[in-house]
Amino acid sequence: DGGRHRISRRAPGAVEAPAWALFDMAFATTARLVVAPLQDLMHLDDQA
């Protein structure tokens, strides 16, 4: 719960797709390149 709370308070609304919440955090950094596994784009669980 603590980890979820620390992420949720950074998101503009309820975290329904956690990878997409992390995408926005990554995009906002100064890093030149942001990479995501396709499974995260597709909102897949650990079966993938």
ModelCIF file with pLDDT and N, C-alpha, C, O atoms, coordinates in Angstrom:
data_MODEL
#
_entry.id   MODEL 
#
_entity.id                         1 
_entity.type                       polymer 
_entity.pdbx_number_of_molecules   1 
#
_entity_poly.entity_id                      1 
_entity_poly.type                           'polypeptide(L)' 
_entity_poly.nstd_linkage                   no 
_entity_poly.nstd_monomer                   no 
_entity_poly.pdbx_seq_one_letter_code       DGGRHRISRRAPGAVEAPAWALFDMAFATTARLVVAPLQDLMHLDDQA 
_entity_poly.pdbx_seq_one_letter_code_can   DGGRHRISRRAPGAVEAPAWALFDMAFATTARLVVAPLQDLMHLDDQA 
_entity_poly.pdbx_strand_id                 A 
#
loop_
_entity_poly_seq.entity_id 
_entity_poly_seq.num 
_entity_poly_seq.mon_id 
_entity_poly_seq.hetero 
1 1  ASP n 
1 2  GLY n 
1 3  GLY n 
1 4  ARG n 
1 5  HIS n 
1 6  ARG n 
1 7  ILE n 
1 8  SER n 
1 9  ARG n 
1 10 ARG n 
1 11 ALA n 
1 12 PRO n 
1 13 GLY n 
1 14 ALA n 
1 15 VAL n 
1 16 GLU n 
1 17 ALA n 
1 18 PRO n 
1 19 ALA n 
1 20 TRP n 
1 21 ALA n 
1 22 LEU n 
1 23 PHE n 
1 24 ASP n 
1 25 MET n 
1 26 ALA n 
1 27 PHE n 
1 28 ALA n 
1 29 THR n 
1 30 THR n 
1 31 ALA n 
1 32 ARG n 
1 33 LEU n 
1 34 VAL n 
1 35 VAL n 
1 36 ALA n 
1 37 PRO n 
1 38 LEU n 
1 39 GLN n 
1 40 ASP n 
1 41 LEU n 
1 42 MET n 
1 43 HIS n 
1 44 LEU n 
1 45 ASP n 
1 46 ASP n 
1 47 GLN n 
1 48 ALA n 
#
_struct_asym.id          A 
_struct_asym.entity_id   1 
#
loop_
_ma_qa_metric.id 
_ma_qa_metric.mode 
_ma_qa_metric.name 
_ma_qa_metric.software_group_id 
_ma_qa_metric.type 
1 global pLDDT . pLDDT 
2 local  pLDDT . pLDDT 
#
_ma_qa_metric_global.metric_id      1 
_ma_qa_metric_global.metric_value   95.23 
_ma_qa_metric_global.model_id       1 
_ma_qa_metric_global.ordinal_id     1 
#
loop_
_ma_qa_metric_local.label_asym_id 
_ma_qa_metric_local.label_comp_id 
_ma_qa_metric_local.label_seq_id 
_ma_qa_metric_local.metric_id 
_ma_qa_metric_local.metric_value 
_ma_qa_metric_local.model_id 
_ma_qa_metric_local.ordinal_id 
A ASP 1  2 93.00 1 1  
A GLY 2  2 93.00 1 2  
A GLY 3  2 93.00 1 3  
A ARG 4  2 95.00 1 4  
A HIS 5  2 94.00 1 5  
A ARG 6  2 95.00 1 6  
A ILE 7  2 95.00 1 7  
A SER 8  2 94.00 1 8  
A ARG 9  2 93.00 1 9  
A ARG 10 2 92.00 1 10 
A ALA 11 2 89.00 1 11 
A PRO 12 2 86.00 1 12 
A GLY 13 2 85.00 1 13 
A ALA 14 2 88.00 1 14 
A VAL 15 2 92.00 1 15 
A GLU 16 2 93.00 1 16 
A ALA 17 2 95.00 1 17 
A PRO 18 2 96.00 1 18 
A ALA 19 2 97.00 1 19 
A TRP 20 2 96.00 1 20 
A ALA 21 2 96.00 1 21 
A LEU 22 2 97.00 1 22 
A PHE 23 2 96.00 1 23 
A ASP 24 2 95.00 1 24 
A MET 25 2 96.00 1 25 
A ALA 26 2 97.00 1 26 
A PHE 27 2 97.00 1 27 
A ALA 28 2 96.00 1 28 
A THR 29 2 97.00 1 29 
A THR 30 2 96.00 1 30 
A ALA 31 2 97.00 1 31 
A ARG 32 2 96.00 1 32 
A LEU 33 2 98.00 1 33 
A VAL 34 2 98.00 1 34 
A VAL 35 2 98.00 1 35 
A ALA 36 2 97.00 1 36 
A PRO 37 2 98.00 1 37 
A LEU 38 2 98.00 1 38 
A GLN 39 2 98.00 1 39 
A ASP 40 2 98.00 1 40 
A LEU 41 2 98.00 1 41 
A MET 42 2 97.00 1 42 
A HIS 43 2 97.00 1 43 
A LEU 44 2 98.00 1 44 
A ASP 45 2 97.00 1 45 
A ASP 46 2 97.00 1 46 
A GLN 47 2 97.00 1 47 
A ALA 48 2 97.00 1 48 
#
loop_
_atom_site.group_PDB 
_atom_site.id 
_atom_site.type_symbol 
_atom_site.label_atom_id 
_atom_site.label_alt_id 
_atom_site.label_comp_id 
_atom_site.label_asym_id 
_atom_site.label_entity_id 
_atom_site.label_seq_id 
_atom_site.pdbx_PDB_ins_code 
_atom_site.Cartn_x 
_atom_site.Cartn_y 
_atom_site.Cartn_z 
_atom_site.occupancy 
_atom_site.B_iso_or_equiv 
_atom_site.pdbx_formal_charge 
_atom_site.auth_seq_id 
_atom_site.auth_comp_id 
_atom_site.auth_asym_id 
_atom_site.auth_atom_id 
_atom_site.pdbx_PDB_model_num 
ATOM 1   N N  . ASP A 1 1  ? 0.825  -1.213  0.000   1.00 93.00 ? 1  ASP A N  1 
ATOM 2   C CA . ASP A 1 1  ? 0.000  0.000   0.000   1.00 93.00 ? 1  ASP A CA 1 
ATOM 3   C C  . ASP A 1 1  ? 0.855  1.257   0.000   1.00 93.00 ? 1  ASP A C  1 
ATOM 4   O O  . ASP A 1 1  ? 0.508  2.253   -0.635  1.00 93.00 ? 1  ASP A O  1 
ATOM 5   N N  . GLY A 1 2  ? 1.991  1.208   0.724   1.00 93.00 ? 2  GLY A N  1 
ATOM 6   C CA . GLY A 1 2  ? 2.852  2.385   0.775   1.00 93.00 ? 2  GLY A CA 1 
ATOM 7   C C  . GLY A 1 2  ? 3.413  2.734   -0.596  1.00 93.00 ? 2  GLY A C  1 
ATOM 8   O O  . GLY A 1 2  ? 3.438  3.901   -0.987  1.00 93.00 ? 2  GLY A O  1 
ATOM 9   N N  . GLY A 1 3  ? 3.861  1.717   -1.322  1.00 93.00 ? 3  GLY A N  1 
ATOM 10  C CA . GLY A 1 3  ? 4.387  1.952   -2.658  1.00 93.00 ? 3  GLY A CA 1 
ATOM 11  C C  . GLY A 1 3  ? 3.319  2.483   -3.592  1.00 93.00 ? 3  GLY A C  1 
ATOM 12  O O  . GLY A 1 3  ? 3.568  3.405   -4.368  1.00 93.00 ? 3  GLY A O  1 
ATOM 13  N N  . ARG A 1 4  ? 2.123  1.902   -3.519  1.00 95.00 ? 4  ARG A N  1 
ATOM 14  C CA . ARG A 1 4  ? 1.028  2.388   -4.374  1.00 95.00 ? 4  ARG A CA 1 
ATOM 15  C C  . ARG A 1 4  ? 0.678  3.836   -4.053  1.00 95.00 ? 4  ARG A C  1 
ATOM 16  O O  . ARG A 1 4  ? 0.405  4.635   -4.948  1.00 95.00 ? 4  ARG A O  1 
ATOM 17  N N  . HIS A 1 5  ? 0.690  4.159   -2.769  1.00 94.00 ? 5  HIS A N  1 
ATOM 18  C CA . HIS A 1 5  ? 0.349  5.527   -2.374  1.00 94.00 ? 5  HIS A CA 1 
ATOM 19  C C  . HIS A 1 5  ? 1.381  6.516   -2.909  1.00 94.00 ? 5  HIS A C  1 
ATOM 20  O O  . HIS A 1 5  ? 1.027  7.598   -3.377  1.00 94.00 ? 5  HIS A O  1 
ATOM 21  N N  . ARG A 1 6  ? 2.669  6.136   -2.837  1.00 95.00 ? 6  ARG A N  1 
ATOM 22  C CA . ARG A 1 6  ? 3.711  7.049   -3.311  1.00 95.00 ? 6  ARG A CA 1 
ATOM 23  C C  . ARG A 1 6  ? 3.595  7.316   -4.803  1.00 95.00 ? 6  ARG A C  1 
ATOM 24  O O  . ARG A 1 6  ? 3.955  8.395   -5.274  1.00 95.00 ? 6  ARG A O  1 
ATOM 25  N N  . ILE A 1 7  ? 3.099  6.347   -5.540  1.00 95.00 ? 7  ILE A N  1 
ATOM 26  C CA . ILE A 1 7  ? 2.891  6.547   -6.977  1.00 95.00 ? 7  ILE A CA 1 
ATOM 27  C C  . ILE A 1 7  ? 1.596  7.316   -7.229  1.00 95.00 ? 7  ILE A C  1 
ATOM 28  O O  . ILE A 1 7  ? 1.565  8.233   -8.049  1.00 95.00 ? 7  ILE A O  1 
ATOM 29  N N  . SER A 1 8  ? 0.550  6.949   -6.537  1.00 94.00 ? 8  SER A N  1 
ATOM 30  C CA . SER A 1 8  ? -0.769 7.559   -6.772  1.00 94.00 ? 8  SER A CA 1 
ATOM 31  C C  . SER A 1 8  ? -0.755 9.053   -6.523  1.00 94.00 ? 8  SER A C  1 
ATOM 32  O O  . SER A 1 8  ? -1.427 9.809   -7.225  1.00 94.00 ? 8  SER A O  1 
ATOM 33  N N  . ARG A 1 9  ? 0.015  9.489   -5.517  1.00 93.00 ? 9  ARG A N  1 
ATOM 34  C CA . ARG A 1 9  ? 0.002  10.923  -5.212  1.00 93.00 ? 9  ARG A CA 1 
ATOM 35  C C  . ARG A 1 9  ? 0.732  11.741  -6.273  1.00 93.00 ? 9  ARG A C  1 
ATOM 36  O O  . ARG A 1 9  ? 0.618  12.967  -6.293  1.00 93.00 ? 9  ARG A O  1 
ATOM 37  N N  . ARG A 1 10 ? 1.472  11.087  -7.144  1.00 92.00 ? 10 ARG A N  1 
ATOM 38  C CA . ARG A 1 10 ? 2.125  11.769  -8.254  1.00 92.00 ? 10 ARG A CA 1 
ATOM 39  C C  . ARG A 1 10 ? 1.244  11.821  -9.503  1.00 92.00 ? 10 ARG A C  1 
ATOM 40  O O  . ARG A 1 10 ? 1.489  12.613  -10.413 1.00 92.00 ? 10 ARG A O  1 
ATOM 41  N N  . ALA A 1 11 ? 0.222  10.973  -9.538  1.00 89.00 ? 11 ALA A N  1 
ATOM 42  C CA . ALA A 1 11 ? -0.635 10.877  -10.721 1.00 89.00 ? 11 ALA A CA 1 
ATOM 43  C C  . ALA A 1 11 ? -1.759 11.901  -10.632 1.00 89.00 ? 11 ALA A C  1 
ATOM 44  O O  . ALA A 1 11 ? -2.187 12.253  -9.533  1.00 89.00 ? 11 ALA A O  1 
ATOM 45  N N  . PRO A 1 12 ? -2.243 12.383  -11.774 1.00 86.00 ? 12 PRO A N  1 
ATOM 46  C CA . PRO A 1 12 ? -3.309 13.393  -11.766 1.00 86.00 ? 12 PRO A CA 1 
ATOM 47  C C  . PRO A 1 12 ? -4.666 12.838  -11.341 1.00 86.00 ? 12 PRO A C  1 
ATOM 48  O O  . PRO A 1 12 ? -5.553 13.612  -10.983 1.00 86.00 ? 12 PRO A O  1 
ATOM 49  N N  . GLY A 1 13 ? -4.846 11.540  -11.369 1.00 85.00 ? 13 GLY A N  1 
ATOM 50  C CA . GLY A 1 13 ? -6.112 10.918  -10.981 1.00 85.00 ? 13 GLY A CA 1 
ATOM 51  C C  . GLY A 1 13 ? -5.862 9.513   -10.483 1.00 85.00 ? 13 GLY A C  1 
ATOM 52  O O  . GLY A 1 13 ? -4.725 9.144   -10.188 1.00 85.00 ? 13 GLY A O  1 
ATOM 53  N N  . ALA A 1 14 ? -6.917 8.731   -10.391 1.00 88.00 ? 14 ALA A N  1 
ATOM 54  C CA . ALA A 1 14 ? -6.774 7.345   -9.947  1.00 88.00 ? 14 ALA A CA 1 
ATOM 55  C C  . ALA A 1 14 ? -5.881 6.571   -10.914 1.00 88.00 ? 14 ALA A C  1 
ATOM 56  O O  . ALA A 1 14 ? -5.966 6.745   -12.130 1.00 88.00 ? 14 ALA A O  1 
ATOM 57  N N  . VAL A 1 15 ? -5.028 5.717   -10.358 1.00 92.00 ? 15 VAL A N  1 
ATOM 58  C CA . VAL A 1 15 ? -4.115 4.927   -11.184 1.00 92.00 ? 15 VAL A CA 1 
ATOM 59  C C  . VAL A 1 15 ? -4.833 3.652   -11.619 1.00 92.00 ? 15 VAL A C  1 
ATOM 60  O O  . VAL A 1 15 ? -4.933 2.691   -10.855 1.00 92.00 ? 15 VAL A O  1 
ATOM 61  N N  . GLU A 1 16 ? -5.323 3.656   -12.835 1.00 93.00 ? 16 GLU A N  1 
ATOM 62  C CA . GLU A 1 16 ? -6.012 2.485   -13.375 1.00 93.00 ? 16 GLU A CA 1 
ATOM 63  C C  . GLU A 1 16 ? -5.088 1.656   -14.263 1.00 93.00 ? 16 GLU A C  1 
ATOM 64  O O  . GLU A 1 16 ? -5.256 0.442   -14.376 1.00 93.00 ? 16 GLU A O  1 
ATOM 65  N N  . ALA A 1 17 ? -4.117 2.309   -14.891 1.00 95.00 ? 17 ALA A N  1 
ATOM 66  C CA . ALA A 1 17 ? -3.122 1.628   -15.730 1.00 95.00 ? 17 ALA A CA 1 
ATOM 67  C C  . ALA A 1 17 ? -1.755 2.094   -15.257 1.00 95.00 ? 17 ALA A C  1 
ATOM 68  O O  . ALA A 1 17 ? -1.243 3.096   -15.755 1.00 95.00 ? 17 ALA A O  1 
ATOM 69  N N  . PRO A 1 18 ? -1.147 1.382   -14.296 1.00 96.00 ? 18 PRO A N  1 
ATOM 70  C CA . PRO A 1 18 ? 0.074  1.898   -13.658 1.00 96.00 ? 18 PRO A CA 1 
ATOM 71  C C  . PRO A 1 18 ? 1.220  2.172   -14.615 1.00 96.00 ? 18 PRO A C  1 
ATOM 72  O O  . PRO A 1 18 ? 1.982  3.116   -14.404 1.00 96.00 ? 18 PRO A O  1 
ATOM 73  N N  . ALA A 1 19 ? 1.362  1.367   -15.668 1.00 97.00 ? 19 ALA A N  1 
ATOM 74  C CA . ALA A 1 19 ? 2.449  1.627   -16.612 1.00 97.00 ? 19 ALA A CA 1 
ATOM 75  C C  . ALA A 1 19 ? 2.292  2.993   -17.256 1.00 97.00 ? 19 ALA A C  1 
ATOM 76  O O  . ALA A 1 19 ? 3.276  3.703   -17.465 1.00 97.00 ? 19 ALA A O  1 
ATOM 77  N N  . TRP A 1 20 ? 1.064  3.359   -17.569 1.00 96.00 ? 20 TRP A N  1 
ATOM 78  C CA . TRP A 1 20 ? 0.846  4.641   -18.227 1.00 96.00 ? 20 TRP A CA 1 
ATOM 79  C C  . TRP A 1 20 ? 1.109  5.804   -17.272 1.00 96.00 ? 20 TRP A C  1 
ATOM 80  O O  . TRP A 1 20 ? 1.497  6.887   -17.709 1.00 96.00 ? 20 TRP A O  1 
ATOM 81  N N  . ALA A 1 21 ? 0.903  5.590   -15.986 1.00 96.00 ? 21 ALA A N  1 
ATOM 82  C CA . ALA A 1 21 ? 1.289  6.614   -15.011 1.00 96.00 ? 21 ALA A CA 1 
ATOM 83  C C  . ALA A 1 21 ? 2.804  6.777   -14.993 1.00 96.00 ? 21 ALA A C  1 
ATOM 84  O O  . ALA A 1 21 ? 3.313  7.894   -14.896 1.00 96.00 ? 21 ALA A O  1 
ATOM 85  N N  . LEU A 1 22 ? 3.526  5.653   -15.089 1.00 97.00 ? 22 LEU A N  1 
ATOM 86  C CA . LEU A 1 22 ? 4.988  5.725   -15.127 1.00 97.00 ? 22 LEU A CA 1 
ATOM 87  C C  . LEU A 1 22 ? 5.490  6.329   -16.437 1.00 97.00 ? 22 LEU A C  1 
ATOM 88  O O  . LEU A 1 22 ? 6.514  7.012   -16.449 1.00 97.00 ? 22 LEU A O  1 
ATOM 89  N N  . PHE A 1 23 ? 4.783  6.083   -17.537 1.00 96.00 ? 23 PHE A N  1 
ATOM 90  C CA . PHE A 1 23 ? 5.190  6.683   -18.818 1.00 96.00 ? 23 PHE A CA 1 
ATOM 91  C C  . PHE A 1 23 ? 5.260  8.196   -18.683 1.00 96.00 ? 23 PHE A C  1 
ATOM 92  O O  . PHE A 1 23 ? 6.249  8.809   -19.086 1.00 96.00 ? 23 PHE A O  1 
ATOM 93  N N  . ASP A 1 24 ? 4.234  8.797   -18.129 1.00 95.00 ? 24 ASP A N  1 
ATOM 94  C CA . ASP A 1 24 ? 4.222  10.257  -18.026 1.00 95.00 ? 24 ASP A CA 1 
ATOM 95  C C  . ASP A 1 24 ? 5.366  10.760  -17.147 1.00 95.00 ? 24 ASP A C  1 
ATOM 96  O O  . ASP A 1 24 ? 5.964  11.798  -17.432 1.00 95.00 ? 24 ASP A O  1 
ATOM 97  N N  . MET A 1 25 ? 5.665  10.024  -16.084 1.00 96.00 ? 25 MET A N  1 
ATOM 98  C CA . MET A 1 25 ? 6.806  10.419  -15.240 1.00 96.00 ? 25 MET A CA 1 
ATOM 99  C C  . MET A 1 25 ? 8.106  10.329  -16.036 1.00 96.00 ? 25 MET A C  1 
ATOM 100 O O  . MET A 1 25 ? 8.961  11.208  -15.936 1.00 96.00 ? 25 MET A O  1 
ATOM 101 N N  . ALA A 1 26 ? 8.252  9.275   -16.819 1.00 97.00 ? 26 ALA A N  1 
ATOM 102 C CA . ALA A 1 26 ? 9.464  9.102   -17.623 1.00 97.00 ? 26 ALA A CA 1 
ATOM 103 C C  . ALA A 1 26 ? 9.571  10.167  -18.702 1.00 97.00 ? 26 ALA A C  1 
ATOM 104 O O  . ALA A 1 26 ? 10.638 10.747  -18.905 1.00 97.00 ? 26 ALA A O  1 
ATOM 105 N N  . PHE A 1 27 ? 8.469  10.425  -19.393 1.00 97.00 ? 27 PHE A N  1 
ATOM 106 C CA . PHE A 1 27 ? 8.468  11.414  -20.469 1.00 97.00 ? 27 PHE A CA 1 
ATOM 107 C C  . PHE A 1 27 ? 8.883  12.790  -19.958 1.00 97.00 ? 27 PHE A C  1 
ATOM 108 O O  . PHE A 1 27 ? 9.528  13.552  -20.678 1.00 97.00 ? 27 PHE A O  1 
ATOM 109 N N  . ALA A 1 28 ? 8.515  13.110  -18.715 1.00 96.00 ? 28 ALA A N  1 
ATOM 110 C CA . ALA A 1 28 ? 8.781  14.437  -18.162 1.00 96.00 ? 28 ALA A CA 1 
ATOM 111 C C  . ALA A 1 28 ? 10.237 14.624  -17.750 1.00 96.00 ? 28 ALA A C  1 
ATOM 112 O O  . ALA A 1 28 ? 10.655 15.754  -17.497 1.00 96.00 ? 28 ALA A O  1 
ATOM 113 N N  . THR A 1 29 ? 11.024 13.548  -17.675 1.00 97.00 ? 29 THR A N  1 
ATOM 114 C CA . THR A 1 29 ? 12.420 13.695  -17.294 1.00 97.00 ? 29 THR A CA 1 
ATOM 115 C C  . THR A 1 29 ? 13.215 14.319  -18.438 1.00 97.00 ? 29 THR A C  1 
ATOM 116 O O  . THR A 1 29 ? 12.725 14.462  -19.558 1.00 97.00 ? 29 THR A O  1 
ATOM 117 N N  . THR A 1 30 ? 14.452 14.684  -18.122 1.00 96.00 ? 30 THR A N  1 
ATOM 118 C CA . THR A 1 30 ? 15.333 15.264  -19.137 1.00 96.00 ? 30 THR A CA 1 
ATOM 119 C C  . THR A 1 30 ? 16.026 14.195  -19.977 1.00 96.00 ? 30 THR A C  1 
ATOM 120 O O  . THR A 1 30 ? 16.764 14.530  -20.904 1.00 96.00 ? 30 THR A O  1 
ATOM 121 N N  . ALA A 1 31 ? 15.804 12.918  -19.673 1.00 97.00 ? 31 ALA A N  1 
ATOM 122 C CA . ALA A 1 31 ? 16.462 11.829  -20.402 1.00 97.00 ? 31 ALA A CA 1 
ATOM 123 C C  . ALA A 1 31 ? 16.119 11.895  -21.885 1.00 97.00 ? 31 ALA A C  1 
ATOM 124 O O  . ALA A 1 31 ? 14.986 12.200  -22.259 1.00 97.00 ? 31 ALA A O  1 
ATOM 125 N N  . ARG A 1 32 ? 17.107 11.605  -22.720 1.00 96.00 ? 32 ARG A N  1 
ATOM 126 C CA . ARG A 1 32 ? 16.872 11.631  -24.161 1.00 96.00 ? 32 ARG A CA 1 
ATOM 127 C C  . ARG A 1 32 ? 15.918 10.530  -24.615 1.00 96.00 ? 32 ARG A C  1 
ATOM 128 O O  . ARG A 1 32 ? 15.109 10.741  -25.518 1.00 96.00 ? 32 ARG A O  1 
ATOM 129 N N  . LEU A 1 33 ? 16.009 9.367   -23.995 1.00 98.00 ? 33 LEU A N  1 
ATOM 130 C CA . LEU A 1 33 ? 15.270 8.212   -24.490 1.00 98.00 ? 33 LEU A CA 1 
ATOM 131 C C  . LEU A 1 33 ? 14.468 7.575   -23.368 1.00 98.00 ? 33 LEU A C  1 
ATOM 132 O O  . LEU A 1 33 ? 14.982 7.346   -22.273 1.00 98.00 ? 33 LEU A O  1 
ATOM 133 N N  . VAL A 1 34 ? 13.205 7.292   -23.653 1.00 98.00 ? 34 VAL A N  1 
ATOM 134 C CA . VAL A 1 34 ? 12.325 6.531   -22.763 1.00 98.00 ? 34 VAL A CA 1 
ATOM 135 C C  . VAL A 1 34 ? 11.941 5.249   -23.494 1.00 98.00 ? 34 VAL A C  1 
ATOM 136 O O  . VAL A 1 34 ? 11.494 5.298   -24.640 1.00 98.00 ? 34 VAL A O  1 
ATOM 137 N N  . VAL A 1 35 ? 12.111 4.103   -22.839 1.00 98.00 ? 35 VAL A N  1 
ATOM 138 C CA . VAL A 1 35 ? 11.790 2.810   -23.443 1.00 98.00 ? 35 VAL A CA 1 
ATOM 139 C C  . VAL A 1 35 ? 10.840 2.056   -22.533 1.00 98.00 ? 35 VAL A C  1 
ATOM 140 O O  . VAL A 1 35 ? 11.006 2.036   -21.314 1.00 98.00 ? 35 VAL A O  1 
ATOM 141 N N  . ALA A 1 36 ? 9.844  1.438   -23.144 1.00 97.00 ? 36 ALA A N  1 
ATOM 142 C CA . ALA A 1 36 ? 8.892  0.617   -22.393 1.00 97.00 ? 36 ALA A CA 1 
ATOM 143 C C  . ALA A 1 36 ? 8.781  -0.752  -23.037 1.00 97.00 ? 36 ALA A C  1 
ATOM 144 O O  . ALA A 1 36 ? 8.712  -0.845  -24.263 1.00 97.00 ? 36 ALA A O  1 
ATOM 145 N N  . PRO A 1 37 ? 8.762  -1.817  -22.246 1.00 98.00 ? 37 PRO A N  1 
ATOM 146 C CA . PRO A 1 37 ? 8.428  -3.128  -22.818 1.00 98.00 ? 37 PRO A CA 1 
ATOM 147 C C  . PRO A 1 37 ? 7.024  -3.084  -23.417 1.00 98.00 ? 37 PRO A C  1 
ATOM 148 O O  . PRO A 1 37 ? 6.134  -2.429  -22.875 1.00 98.00 ? 37 PRO A O  1 
ATOM 149 N N  . LEU A 1 38 ? 6.830  -3.773  -24.521 1.00 98.00 ? 38 LEU A N  1 
ATOM 150 C CA . LEU A 1 38 ? 5.505  -3.769  -25.149 1.00 98.00 ? 38 LEU A CA 1 
ATOM 151 C C  . LEU A 1 38 ? 4.430  -4.251  -24.185 1.00 98.00 ? 38 LEU A C  1 
ATOM 152 O O  . LEU A 1 38 ? 3.301  -3.763  -24.237 1.00 98.00 ? 38 LEU A O  1 
ATOM 153 N N  . GLN A 1 39 ? 4.751  -5.192  -23.311 1.00 98.00 ? 39 GLN A N  1 
ATOM 154 C CA . GLN A 1 39 ? 3.768  -5.703  -22.366 1.00 98.00 ? 39 GLN A CA 1 
ATOM 155 C C  . GLN A 1 39 ? 3.182  -4.578  -21.514 1.00 98.00 ? 39 GLN A C  1 
ATOM 156 O O  . GLN A 1 39 ? 2.016  -4.638  -21.123 1.00 98.00 ? 39 GLN A O  1 
ATOM 157 N N  . ASP A 1 40 ? 3.995  -3.540  -21.220 1.00 98.00 ? 40 ASP A N  1 
ATOM 158 C CA . ASP A 1 40 ? 3.487  -2.414  -20.433 1.00 98.00 ? 40 ASP A CA 1 
ATOM 159 C C  . ASP A 1 40 ? 2.546  -1.549  -21.252 1.00 98.00 ? 40 ASP A C  1 
ATOM 160 O O  . ASP A 1 40 ? 1.542  -1.062  -20.732 1.00 98.00 ? 40 ASP A O  1 
ATOM 161 N N  . LEU A 1 41 ? 2.858  -1.351  -22.528 1.00 98.00 ? 41 LEU A N  1 
ATOM 162 C CA . LEU A 1 41 ? 1.931  -0.602  -23.376 1.00 98.00 ? 41 LEU A CA 1 
ATOM 163 C C  . LEU A 1 41 ? 0.579  -1.296  -23.459 1.00 98.00 ? 41 LEU A C  1 
ATOM 164 O O  . LEU A 1 41 ? -0.462 -0.645  -23.535 1.00 98.00 ? 41 LEU A O  1 
ATOM 165 N N  . MET A 1 42 ? 0.608  -2.640  -23.445 1.00 97.00 ? 42 MET A N  1 
ATOM 166 C CA . MET A 1 42 ? -0.611 -3.426  -23.621 1.00 97.00 ? 42 MET A CA 1 
ATOM 167 C C  . MET A 1 42 ? -1.322 -3.703  -22.301 1.00 97.00 ? 42 MET A C  1 
ATOM 168 O O  . MET A 1 42 ? -2.357 -4.370  -22.290 1.00 97.00 ? 42 MET A O  1 
ATOM 169 N N  . HIS A 1 43 ? -0.776 -3.194  -21.173 1.00 97.00 ? 43 HIS A N  1 
ATOM 170 C CA . HIS A 1 43 ? -1.406 -3.355  -19.853 1.00 97.00 ? 43 HIS A CA 1 
ATOM 171 C C  . HIS A 1 43 ? -1.561 -4.846  -19.518 1.00 97.00 ? 43 HIS A C  1 
ATOM 172 O O  . HIS A 1 43 ? -2.636 -5.296  -19.120 1.00 97.00 ? 43 HIS A O  1 
ATOM 173 N N  . LEU A 1 44 ? -0.458 -5.605  -19.688 1.00 98.00 ? 44 LEU A N  1 
ATOM 174 C CA . LEU A 1 44 ? -0.486 -7.044  -19.458 1.00 98.00 ? 44 LEU A CA 1 
ATOM 175 C C  . LEU A 1 44 ? 0.123  -7.388  -18.110 1.00 98.00 ? 44 LEU A C  1 
ATOM 176 O O  . LEU A 1 44 ? 1.029  -6.704  -17.632 1.00 98.00 ? 44 LEU A O  1 
ATOM 177 N N  . ASP A 1 45 ? -0.383 -8.454  -17.501 1.00 97.00 ? 45 ASP A N  1 
ATOM 178 C CA . ASP A 1 45 ? 0.134  -8.870  -16.198 1.00 97.00 ? 45 ASP A CA 1 
ATOM 179 C C  . ASP A 1 45 ? 1.298  -9.837  -16.374 1.00 97.00 ? 45 ASP A C  1 
ATOM 180 O O  . ASP A 1 45 ? 1.827  -9.986  -17.476 1.00 97.00 ? 45 ASP A O  1 
ATOM 181 N N  . ASP A 1 46 ? 1.694  -10.495 -15.288 1.00 97.00 ? 46 ASP A N  1 
ATOM 182 C CA . ASP A 1 46 ? 2.916  -11.298 -15.329 1.00 97.00 ? 46 ASP A CA 1 
ATOM 183 C C  . ASP A 1 46 ? 2.793  -12.602 -16.119 1.00 97.00 ? 46 ASP A C  1 
ATOM 184 O O  . ASP A 1 46 ? 3.779  -13.320 -16.279 1.00 97.00 ? 46 ASP A O  1 
ATOM 185 N N  . GLN A 1 47 ? 1.619  -12.907 -16.604 1.00 97.00 ? 47 GLN A N  1 
ATOM 186 C CA . GLN A 1 47 ? 1.537  -14.027 -17.548 1.00 97.00 ? 47 GLN A CA 1 
ATOM 187 C C  . GLN A 1 47 ? 2.311  -13.711 -18.826 1.00 97.00 ? 47 GLN A C  1 
ATOM 188 O O  . GLN A 1 47 ? 2.675  -14.615 -19.579 1.00 97.00 ? 47 GLN A O  1 
ATOM 189 N N  . ALA A 1 48 ? 2.557  -12.430 -19.065 1.00 97.00 ? 48 ALA A N  1 
ATOM 190 C CA . ALA A 1 48 ? 3.311  -11.992 -20.241 1.00 97.00 ? 48 ALA A CA 1 
ATOM 191 C C  . ALA A 1 48 ? 4.752  -11.617 -19.888 1.00 97.00 ? 48 ALA A C  1 
ATOM 192 O O  . ALA A 1 48 ? 5.522  -11.227 -20.766 1.00 97.00 ? 48 ALA A O  1 
#
